[in-house]
Protein backbone atom coordinates (compact mmCIF):
# COMPACT_ATOMS: atom_id res chain seq x y z
CA UNK A 1 104.58 30.34 124.72
CA UNK A 2 106.34 33.65 124.67
CA UNK A 3 109.47 34.11 126.79
CA UNK A 4 109.26 36.51 129.56
CA UNK A 5 111.48 39.81 128.84
CA UNK A 6 113.30 39.44 131.91
CA UNK A 7 114.71 35.72 130.75
CA UNK A 8 116.08 37.15 127.47
CA UNK A 9 119.78 36.58 126.99
CA UNK A 10 122.15 38.70 124.79
CA UNK A 11 121.52 36.60 121.68
CA UNK A 12 117.73 37.17 121.99
CA UNK A 13 118.47 40.87 122.72
CA UNK A 14 120.45 41.21 119.64
CA UNK A 15 117.99 39.42 117.53
CA UNK A 16 115.28 42.01 118.95
CA UNK A 17 117.69 44.67 118.11
CA UNK A 18 117.86 43.78 114.31
CA UNK A 19 114.15 43.09 113.98
CA UNK A 20 112.20 45.05 111.43
CA UNK A 21 109.57 45.71 113.97
CA UNK A 22 110.35 49.19 115.57
CA UNK A 23 108.44 48.47 118.85
CA UNK A 24 110.86 45.17 119.40
CA UNK A 25 113.92 47.38 118.75
CA UNK A 26 112.54 49.84 121.47
CA UNK A 27 112.32 46.97 123.64
CA UNK A 28 115.73 46.00 123.15
CA UNK A 29 116.84 49.60 123.79
CA UNK A 30 115.34 49.56 127.07
CA UNK A 31 116.18 46.38 128.43
CA UNK A 32 118.39 46.44 131.14
CA UNK A 33 120.56 43.46 130.19
CA UNK A 34 121.14 44.69 126.58
CA UNK A 35 125.14 44.69 125.62
CA UNK A 36 126.85 47.88 125.23
CA UNK A 37 127.87 47.03 121.50
CA UNK A 38 124.18 46.42 120.84
CA UNK A 39 123.20 49.85 122.52
CA UNK A 40 125.59 51.66 120.46
CA UNK A 41 124.32 49.95 117.25
CA UNK A 42 120.74 51.19 118.48
CA UNK A 43 121.89 54.81 118.82
CA UNK A 44 122.33 54.92 114.86
CA UNK A 45 119.02 53.35 114.07
CA UNK A 46 117.05 55.00 111.63
CA UNK A 47 113.72 55.12 113.64
CA UNK A 48 113.63 58.42 115.87
CA UNK A 49 111.52 56.37 118.56
CA UNK A 50 114.35 53.95 119.10
CA UNK A 51 116.80 56.71 119.59
CA UNK A 52 114.71 58.61 121.79
CA UNK A 53 114.07 55.38 124.14
CA UNK A 54 117.74 54.82 124.35
CA UNK A 55 118.36 58.45 125.40
CA UNK A 56 115.69 57.90 128.17
CA UNK A 57 117.71 55.06 129.76
CA UNK A 58 118.81 56.32 133.23
CA UNK A 59 121.69 53.93 133.16
CA UNK A 60 122.70 55.06 129.59
CA UNK A 61 126.48 54.73 129.34
CA UNK A 62 128.66 57.82 128.52
CA UNK A 63 129.54 56.28 125.12
CA UNK A 64 125.84 56.05 124.22
CA UNK A 65 125.07 59.55 125.45
CA UNK A 66 127.98 60.89 123.54
CA UNK A 67 126.66 59.31 120.14
CA UNK A 68 123.00 60.61 120.75
CA UNK A 69 124.38 64.01 121.79
CA UNK A 70 125.29 64.51 118.14
CA UNK A 71 121.98 62.78 116.69
CA UNK A 72 120.64 64.79 113.69
CA UNK A 73 117.11 65.02 115.40
CA UNK A 74 116.34 67.79 117.81
CA UNK A 75 113.91 65.52 119.78
CA UNK A 76 116.73 63.16 120.64
CA UNK A 77 119.43 65.76 121.56
CA UNK A 78 116.69 67.49 123.97
CA UNK A 79 116.25 64.09 125.82
CA UNK A 80 119.98 63.89 126.25
CA UNK A 81 120.43 67.51 127.26
CA UNK A 82 118.07 66.63 130.34
CA UNK A 83 119.98 63.24 131.07
CA UNK A 84 121.42 63.20 134.68
CA UNK A 85 124.23 61.08 133.07
CA UNK A 86 125.54 63.74 130.89
CA UNK A 87 129.14 64.98 132.18
CA UNK A 88 130.46 68.60 131.56
CA UNK A 89 132.21 67.84 128.12
CA UNK A 90 128.69 66.65 126.72
CA UNK A 91 127.00 69.54 128.37
CA UNK A 92 129.43 72.00 126.69
CA UNK A 93 128.27 70.43 123.31
CA UNK A 94 124.68 70.76 124.04
CA UNK A 95 124.89 74.14 125.71
CA UNK A 96 126.22 75.44 122.31
CA UNK A 97 123.82 73.26 119.90
CA UNK A 98 122.60 74.74 116.80
CA UNK A 99 118.97 74.41 117.89
CA UNK A 100 117.78 76.89 120.49
CA UNK A 101 115.36 74.46 122.18
CA UNK A 102 118.22 72.03 122.71
CA UNK A 103 120.38 74.86 124.30
CA UNK A 104 117.35 75.99 126.63
CA UNK A 105 116.78 72.37 127.98
CA UNK A 106 120.63 71.81 128.61
CA UNK A 107 120.89 75.14 130.32
CA UNK A 108 117.67 74.48 132.59
CA UNK A 109 119.45 70.99 133.45
CA UNK A 110 122.56 72.41 134.59
CA UNK A 111 123.74 76.08 134.96
CA UNK A 112 126.40 77.28 132.41
CA UNK A 113 129.88 78.18 134.10
CA UNK A 114 130.65 81.92 134.07
CA UNK A 115 134.04 81.40 132.33
CA UNK A 116 132.44 79.47 129.64
CA UNK A 117 129.51 81.69 128.70
CA UNK A 118 132.20 84.65 128.76
CA UNK A 119 134.41 82.81 126.50
CA UNK A 120 131.53 82.10 123.97
CA UNK A 121 130.49 85.85 124.18
CA UNK A 122 133.83 86.97 123.43
CA UNK A 123 133.86 84.73 120.28
CA UNK A 124 130.32 85.98 119.33
CA UNK A 125 131.27 89.75 119.56
CA UNK A 126 134.46 88.76 117.51
CA UNK A 127 136.99 89.74 120.25
CA UNK A 128 140.43 88.58 120.68
CA UNK A 129 140.50 85.09 122.43
CA UNK A 130 143.30 82.50 122.94
CA UNK A 131 143.90 80.03 120.13
CA UNK A 132 143.33 77.21 122.67
CA UNK A 133 139.73 78.56 123.50
CA UNK A 134 138.96 78.93 119.78
CA UNK A 135 140.04 75.32 119.17
CA UNK A 136 137.92 74.16 122.12
CA UNK A 137 134.61 75.80 120.82
CA UNK A 138 135.26 74.68 117.11
CA UNK A 139 134.65 71.07 118.37
CA UNK A 140 131.42 71.80 120.12
CA UNK A 141 127.80 72.54 119.08
CA UNK A 142 126.65 74.10 115.89
CA UNK A 143 126.10 77.57 117.56
CA UNK A 144 129.88 77.61 118.79
CA UNK A 145 131.21 76.19 115.34
CA UNK A 146 129.29 79.04 113.55
CA UNK A 147 130.90 81.63 116.05
CA UNK A 148 134.42 80.36 115.31
CA UNK A 149 133.65 80.28 111.64
CA UNK A 150 132.51 83.87 111.65
CA UNK A 151 135.46 84.98 113.92
CA UNK A 152 138.38 87.09 112.70
CA UNK A 153 141.10 84.88 113.73
CA UNK A 154 139.61 81.67 112.57
CA UNK A 155 142.55 79.75 110.48
CA UNK A 156 141.98 79.05 106.90
CA UNK A 157 142.58 75.32 107.50
CA UNK A 158 139.45 75.44 109.92
CA UNK A 159 137.21 77.38 107.47
CA UNK A 160 138.13 74.55 104.76
CA UNK A 161 137.10 71.99 107.29
CA UNK A 162 133.72 73.97 108.00
CA UNK A 163 132.78 73.96 104.39
CA UNK A 164 131.99 70.26 104.89
CA UNK A 165 130.23 70.54 108.35
CA UNK A 166 127.07 68.75 108.97
CA UNK A 167 125.25 72.14 109.94
CA UNK A 168 124.07 74.04 106.86
CA UNK A 169 124.65 77.55 108.57
CA UNK A 170 128.17 76.75 109.48
CA UNK A 171 128.83 75.65 105.88
CA UNK A 172 127.51 78.82 104.51
CA UNK A 173 129.61 81.06 106.94
CA UNK A 174 132.79 79.13 105.76
CA UNK A 175 131.89 79.45 102.03
CA UNK A 176 131.24 83.23 102.53
CA UNK A 177 134.57 83.83 104.57
CA UNK A 178 136.45 82.12 102.21
CA UNK A 179 135.18 84.20 99.20
CA UNK A 180 132.54 82.74 96.95
CA UNK A 181 133.25 82.19 93.30
CA UNK A 182 130.91 83.08 90.69
CA UNK A 183 130.34 79.34 89.86
CA UNK A 184 129.67 78.85 93.67
CA UNK A 185 127.22 81.57 93.74
CA UNK A 186 125.39 80.21 90.85
CA UNK A 187 125.26 76.72 92.65
CA UNK A 188 124.03 78.69 95.74
CA UNK A 189 121.17 80.13 93.50
CA UNK A 190 119.88 76.55 92.70
CA UNK A 191 120.40 75.36 96.36
CA UNK A 192 117.32 73.88 98.13
CA UNK A 193 118.20 75.78 101.14
CA UNK A 194 116.79 79.32 101.28
CA UNK A 195 119.53 80.74 103.23
CA UNK A 196 122.05 79.68 100.35
CA UNK A 197 119.77 81.19 97.82
CA UNK A 198 119.65 84.52 99.61
CA UNK A 199 123.53 84.45 99.77
CA UNK A 200 123.34 84.20 95.94
CA UNK A 201 120.62 86.88 95.65
CA UNK A 202 122.91 89.32 97.73
CA UNK A 203 126.01 88.98 95.49
CA UNK A 204 125.29 87.47 91.96
CA UNK A 205 125.42 90.13 89.13
CA UNK A 206 122.01 91.34 88.03
CA UNK A 207 122.71 90.17 84.47
CA UNK A 208 123.16 86.67 85.54
CA UNK A 209 120.77 84.22 84.28
CA UNK A 210 119.83 82.79 87.76
CA UNK A 211 118.49 86.23 88.77
CA UNK A 212 115.12 85.67 87.04
CA UNK A 213 114.44 82.56 89.21
CA UNK A 214 115.62 84.47 92.39
CA UNK A 215 113.30 87.41 91.64
CA UNK A 216 110.42 84.94 91.32
CA UNK A 217 111.45 83.01 94.68
CA UNK A 218 108.74 82.68 97.11
CA UNK A 219 110.86 82.41 100.12
CA UNK A 220 110.83 85.78 102.06
CA UNK A 221 114.46 85.65 103.07
CA UNK A 222 115.73 85.59 99.30
CA UNK A 223 113.47 88.60 98.33
CA UNK A 224 114.89 90.49 101.29
CA UNK A 225 118.28 89.78 100.26
CA UNK A 226 117.49 91.23 96.80
CA UNK A 227 115.76 94.47 97.88
CA UNK A 228 118.44 95.10 100.43
CA UNK A 229 121.06 95.53 97.64
CA UNK A 230 121.71 99.27 97.04
CA UNK A 231 121.91 98.75 93.44
CA UNK A 232 118.59 97.19 93.11
CA UNK A 233 117.43 97.92 89.59
CA UNK A 234 113.96 99.78 89.36
CA UNK A 235 113.21 97.72 86.48
CA UNK A 236 113.03 94.56 88.47
CA UNK A 237 110.23 95.59 90.56
CA UNK A 238 107.85 94.25 88.27
CA UNK A 239 109.35 91.00 88.52
CA UNK A 240 108.43 90.62 92.17
CA UNK A 241 105.34 88.72 93.10
CA UNK A 242 102.23 90.95 93.01
CA UNK A 243 101.35 89.52 96.45
CA UNK A 244 104.54 89.66 98.63
CA UNK A 245 104.64 88.71 102.47
CA UNK A 246 104.55 91.07 105.12
CA UNK A 247 108.21 91.65 105.62
CA UNK A 248 108.82 92.20 101.95
CA UNK A 249 105.95 94.80 101.73
CA UNK A 250 107.47 96.49 104.82
CA UNK A 251 110.62 96.70 103.27
CA UNK A 252 109.34 97.85 99.95
CA UNK A 253 107.31 100.70 101.74
CA UNK A 254 110.61 102.51 102.70
CA UNK A 255 112.60 101.63 99.41
CA UNK A 256 113.43 105.04 97.65
CA UNK A 257 113.55 103.54 94.21
CA UNK A 258 110.06 101.78 94.50
CA UNK A 259 107.98 102.90 91.40
CA UNK A 260 104.89 104.98 91.71
CA UNK A 261 102.45 102.35 91.04
CA UNK A 262 103.57 99.87 93.48
CA UNK A 263 103.92 102.67 96.05
CA UNK A 264 100.19 103.55 95.40
CA UNK A 265 99.19 100.15 95.95
CA UNK A 266 101.03 100.16 99.44
CA UNK A 267 99.08 103.25 100.16
CA UNK A 268 96.01 101.16 100.24
CA UNK A 269 97.64 98.09 102.00
CA UNK A 270 95.29 96.29 104.35
CA UNK A 271 98.09 96.12 107.01
CA UNK A 272 98.38 99.62 108.94
CA UNK A 273 101.99 98.85 109.83
CA UNK A 274 102.95 98.91 105.91
CA UNK A 275 101.02 102.29 105.39
CA UNK A 276 102.89 103.66 108.37
CA UNK A 277 106.20 102.68 106.98
CA UNK A 278 105.07 104.55 103.77
CA UNK A 279 104.51 107.61 106.10
CA UNK A 280 108.11 107.34 107.11
CA UNK A 281 109.59 107.60 103.45
CA UNK A 282 112.17 110.32 102.91
CA UNK A 283 110.09 112.20 100.41
CA UNK A 284 106.36 111.92 99.82
CA UNK A 285 104.34 113.84 97.18
CA UNK A 286 101.47 115.98 97.86
CA UNK A 287 98.99 113.42 96.79
CA UNK A 288 100.56 110.74 98.81
CA UNK A 289 100.63 112.65 101.94
CA UNK A 290 96.95 113.55 101.52
CA UNK A 291 95.91 109.99 101.00
CA UNK A 292 97.75 109.01 104.27
CA UNK A 293 96.61 111.97 106.10
CA UNK A 294 93.04 110.62 105.83
CA UNK A 295 94.24 107.20 107.36
CA UNK A 296 93.98 105.92 110.85
CA UNK A 297 95.56 107.81 113.75
CA UNK A 298 98.86 105.78 113.88
CA UNK A 299 99.63 106.74 110.21
CA UNK A 300 98.58 110.30 111.13
CA UNK A 301 100.99 110.37 114.08
CA UNK A 302 104.03 109.46 111.87
CA UNK A 303 103.13 112.17 109.36
CA UNK A 304 102.80 114.71 112.18
CA UNK A 305 106.38 113.86 113.03
CA UNK A 306 107.77 114.88 109.66
CA UNK A 307 109.33 118.30 109.39
CA UNK A 308 107.86 118.85 106.17
CA UNK A 309 104.36 118.30 107.38
CA UNK A 310 102.24 121.23 106.03
CA UNK A 311 100.99 123.73 108.50
CA UNK A 312 97.15 123.27 107.82
CA UNK A 313 97.52 119.62 108.68
CA UNK A 314 99.20 120.45 111.98
CA UNK A 315 96.56 123.05 112.81
CA UNK A 316 93.88 120.52 112.25
CA UNK A 317 95.88 117.66 114.23
CA UNK A 318 96.40 119.66 117.17
CA UNK A 319 92.76 119.72 118.07
CA UNK A 320 92.27 115.84 117.20
CA UNK A 321 90.59 113.50 119.76
CA UNK A 322 93.73 111.38 119.87
CA UNK A 323 96.18 112.41 122.78
CA UNK A 324 99.04 110.54 120.92
CA UNK A 325 98.38 112.46 117.65
CA UNK A 326 98.18 115.61 119.28
CA UNK A 327 101.56 115.20 121.21
CA UNK A 328 103.27 114.24 117.99
CA UNK A 329 102.33 117.62 116.56
CA UNK A 330 103.51 119.39 119.92
CA UNK A 331 106.88 117.88 119.20
CA UNK A 332 107.06 118.78 115.57
CA UNK A 333 109.98 121.34 114.84
CA UNK A 334 107.62 123.20 112.47
CA UNK A 335 105.12 124.12 115.17
CA UNK A 336 104.49 127.78 115.38
CA UNK A 337 103.24 130.08 118.47
CA UNK A 338 100.05 130.54 116.24
CA UNK A 339 99.51 126.85 116.00
CA UNK A 340 99.99 126.71 119.90
CA UNK A 341 97.25 129.63 120.17
CA UNK A 342 94.81 127.60 117.96
CA UNK A 343 95.66 124.62 120.19
CA UNK A 344 94.53 126.45 123.36
CA UNK A 345 91.02 126.11 122.33
CA UNK A 346 90.96 122.51 123.54
CA UNK A 347 91.52 122.00 127.40
CA UNK A 348 93.27 118.94 127.02
CA UNK A 349 96.07 120.63 125.37
CA UNK A 350 96.87 123.20 128.15
CA UNK A 351 99.54 121.38 129.87
CA UNK A 352 101.63 120.52 126.72
CA UNK A 353 101.12 124.04 125.71
CA UNK A 354 102.43 125.46 129.15
CA UNK A 355 105.42 123.17 128.68
CA UNK A 356 106.34 124.33 124.93
CA UNK A 357 109.26 126.76 124.82
CA UNK A 358 107.49 128.93 121.97
CA UNK A 359 104.24 129.48 123.77
CA UNK A 360 103.62 133.31 123.56
CA UNK A 361 103.81 135.23 126.70
CA UNK A 362 100.17 136.21 126.74
CA UNK A 363 98.97 132.57 126.60
CA UNK A 364 101.53 131.66 129.53
CA UNK A 365 99.76 134.56 131.54
CA UNK A 366 96.31 133.07 130.84
CA UNK A 367 97.59 129.39 131.81
CA UNK A 368 98.91 130.61 134.97
CA UNK A 369 95.32 131.27 136.10
CA UNK A 370 94.41 127.83 135.19
CA UNK A 371 92.47 125.61 137.78
CA UNK A 372 94.69 122.68 136.91
CA UNK A 373 97.82 122.49 139.13
CA UNK A 374 99.66 120.68 136.62
CA UNK A 375 99.07 123.38 134.02
CA UNK A 376 100.35 125.99 136.58
CA UNK A 377 103.20 123.96 137.39
CA UNK A 378 104.10 123.37 133.75
CA UNK A 379 103.98 127.50 133.28
CA UNK A 380 106.28 127.67 136.33
CA UNK A 381 108.90 125.23 134.67
CA UNK A 382 108.68 126.94 131.23
CA UNK A 383 111.84 128.65 130.16
CA UNK A 384 109.78 131.32 128.35
CA UNK A 385 107.77 132.44 131.56
CA UNK A 386 108.58 135.94 132.44
CA UNK A 387 109.51 137.08 136.06
CA UNK A 388 106.37 138.56 137.02
CA UNK A 389 104.48 135.39 136.29
CA UNK A 390 107.09 133.32 138.25
CA UNK A 391 106.48 135.90 141.25
CA UNK A 392 102.65 135.21 140.87
CA UNK A 393 103.22 131.46 141.01
CA UNK A 394 105.59 131.56 143.79
CA UNK A 395 102.74 132.65 145.85
CA UNK A 396 100.53 129.70 144.54
CA UNK A 397 98.33 127.83 147.24
CA UNK A 398 99.72 124.51 146.07
CA UNK A 399 103.17 123.54 146.90
CA UNK A 400 103.64 121.55 143.62
CA UNK A 401 103.63 124.84 141.68
CA UNK A 402 105.86 126.43 144.18
CA UNK A 403 108.61 123.90 143.78
CA UNK A 404 108.57 124.30 140.15
CA UNK A 405 109.18 128.12 140.46
CA UNK A 406 112.16 126.93 142.93
CA UNK A 407 113.49 124.70 140.10
CA UNK A 408 113.18 127.27 137.29
CA UNK A 409 116.50 128.00 135.86
CA UNK A 410 116.11 131.60 135.54
CA UNK A 411 114.30 132.05 139.05
CA UNK A 412 115.45 135.56 140.46
CA UNK A 413 117.67 135.36 143.60
CA UNK A 414 115.12 137.50 145.50
CA UNK A 415 112.36 134.93 144.72
CA UNK A 416 114.89 131.94 145.90
CA UNK A 417 115.19 133.65 149.23
CA UNK A 418 111.57 134.00 149.79
CA UNK A 419 111.04 130.31 148.71
CA UNK A 420 113.66 128.90 151.06
CA UNK A 421 111.30 130.04 153.79
CA UNK A 422 108.46 128.11 152.29
CA UNK A 423 106.08 126.33 154.75
CA UNK A 424 106.47 123.03 152.75
CA UNK A 425 109.82 121.17 153.26
CA UNK A 426 109.60 119.88 149.60
CA UNK A 427 109.92 123.51 148.18
CA UNK A 428 112.63 124.22 150.56
CA UNK A 429 114.44 121.09 149.52
CA UNK A 430 114.13 121.90 146.04
CA UNK A 431 115.90 125.37 146.58
CA UNK A 432 118.79 123.53 148.18
CA UNK A 433 118.96 121.05 145.55
CA UNK A 434 119.67 123.80 142.96
CA UNK A 435 123.39 123.47 141.53
CA UNK A 436 123.58 127.32 142.02
CA UNK A 437 122.39 127.41 145.46
CA UNK A 438 123.58 130.39 147.43
CA UNK A 439 125.98 129.60 150.06
CA UNK A 440 124.23 131.78 152.68
CA UNK A 441 121.01 129.72 151.97
CA UNK A 442 122.65 126.43 152.46
CA UNK A 443 123.98 127.80 155.91
CA UNK A 444 120.50 128.55 157.09
CA UNK A 445 119.24 125.48 155.89
CA UNK A 446 121.52 123.35 157.54
CA UNK A 447 119.52 124.31 160.73
CA UNK A 448 116.26 123.56 159.03
CA UNK A 449 113.66 121.75 161.09
CA UNK A 450 113.37 119.24 158.47
CA UNK A 451 115.81 116.17 158.33
CA UNK A 452 115.37 115.91 154.49
CA UNK A 453 116.30 119.46 153.91
CA UNK A 454 119.42 119.27 156.24
CA UNK A 455 120.37 115.99 154.34
CA UNK A 456 119.98 117.74 150.90
CA UNK A 457 122.56 120.15 152.46
CA UNK A 458 124.93 117.55 153.37
CA UNK A 459 124.67 115.76 150.05
CA UNK A 460 125.01 119.29 147.89
CA UNK A 461 128.46 119.14 146.13
CA UNK A 462 129.11 122.87 146.85
CA UNK A 463 128.72 122.17 150.69
CA UNK A 464 131.76 123.58 152.56
CA UNK A 465 133.97 121.52 155.16
CA UNK A 466 132.53 124.06 157.80
CA UNK A 467 128.99 123.49 156.91
CA UNK A 468 129.75 119.41 156.76
CA UNK A 469 131.55 119.41 160.00
CA UNK A 470 128.36 121.03 161.73
CA UNK A 471 125.98 118.39 160.03
CA UNK A 472 128.40 115.67 161.13
CA UNK A 473 127.07 116.23 164.73
CA UNK A 474 123.33 116.58 163.59
CA UNK A 475 120.75 114.62 165.69
CA UNK A 476 119.54 112.66 162.57
CA UNK A 477 121.72 109.57 161.75
CA UNK A 478 121.20 109.80 158.01
CA UNK A 479 122.48 113.55 157.92
CA UNK A 480 125.43 112.61 160.29
CA UNK A 481 126.47 109.74 158.12
CA UNK A 482 126.21 111.55 154.78
CA UNK A 483 128.06 114.55 156.25
CA UNK A 484 130.92 112.31 157.36
CA UNK A 485 130.99 110.45 154.11
CA UNK A 486 131.34 113.76 152.42
CA UNK A 487 134.30 114.76 154.64
CA UNK A 488 136.01 111.52 154.01
CA UNK A 489 135.71 112.31 150.39
CA UNK A 490 133.17 109.64 149.39
């Protein structure tokens, strides 16, 4: 007959802990009477399930948690990070773990002290920190050790130690900082870790025998390291796989040394983002431009942003159904007044035409009579609008148009004096808001019937002490307080 679990003694539990059956070892890890020495031996068990079960013990000792906090498996460290028995030294280790999931669990379980996060941020930014702080973080998690290894003040002795770190990313930083020999780079080129092969790809001479294998590497990070080299030989483009990944194709699309045949394939790439990157190239031939000009609107939009975009295409796209495409044409520095006149045939373009500084005066006069108040407002705000059109718009039936006249930099003084008596307080306030608002106007608006206009006077940087003294006795609390603040110099 089997003995009850509660009746097991320490010898029985040690026998269970040495069992070949993982389930029995899990029972030993969870039993409340298992001795500490047995628990510590189970913390190094080969089975992840045993170590996770041990980490879930609510009464797990600090010694057990400290050993499991450095477990090579992320799942075990995540359980430890959420354990209520973790003290702050263990939490510091887990807050800086090399794995983002472990860090997230640890930060959710307990908030990071401000001074700790500030110290880590300074190390990550390579700022000057006390040697004691650097030494403390050098003993913490993989993220912290990697930051210390990258820091400009990291002693060479520490870098030597980091070269043998359990974390591959820390080892790579230390190797790079200490200066990689040609033999080390060749060893990296044959390493099973893609990050090591990428380091070799970024530094090995092109004549090295290992470069053939690196050029045929299927790992994206290795190919990107090769292509980002400014000395990438054009002869090696043919050695890159014919079906590269998305990230590699995106980089190839803007690579200036790319051969014509491969660029031609990218022009027909099934991914629109790749074709869009081709449209961003510094130089495009007429044939390449034409191929992209018949693409979808996102690609056309990139072409429309180019200063070298041919005028016939700008004329065609300025009347395209896509508003985003038309907007890109309006922002193009090569747009001429003639193109703007062509664009006026489409009513949806009227507002952007009214806003454009190159719009011809006859077209502005025509748009000033538009039925759309936003078009008339844009004309009122256009720096090229002549004075006679501004006077017409200053008498517009809608206050939205009149306030834009009040905001116009070249609005004549005589027109401002009219607008300061506008029936809508919003227009009067815009007159006061002008940096060059006349002092006489501010004196009159200090007695305005609307509190918002009087507040604008109290807030104006050119308001005199006499004006502010009067407003400090205003019936409206907000105006009084602002005037007093200004008098106090705040």
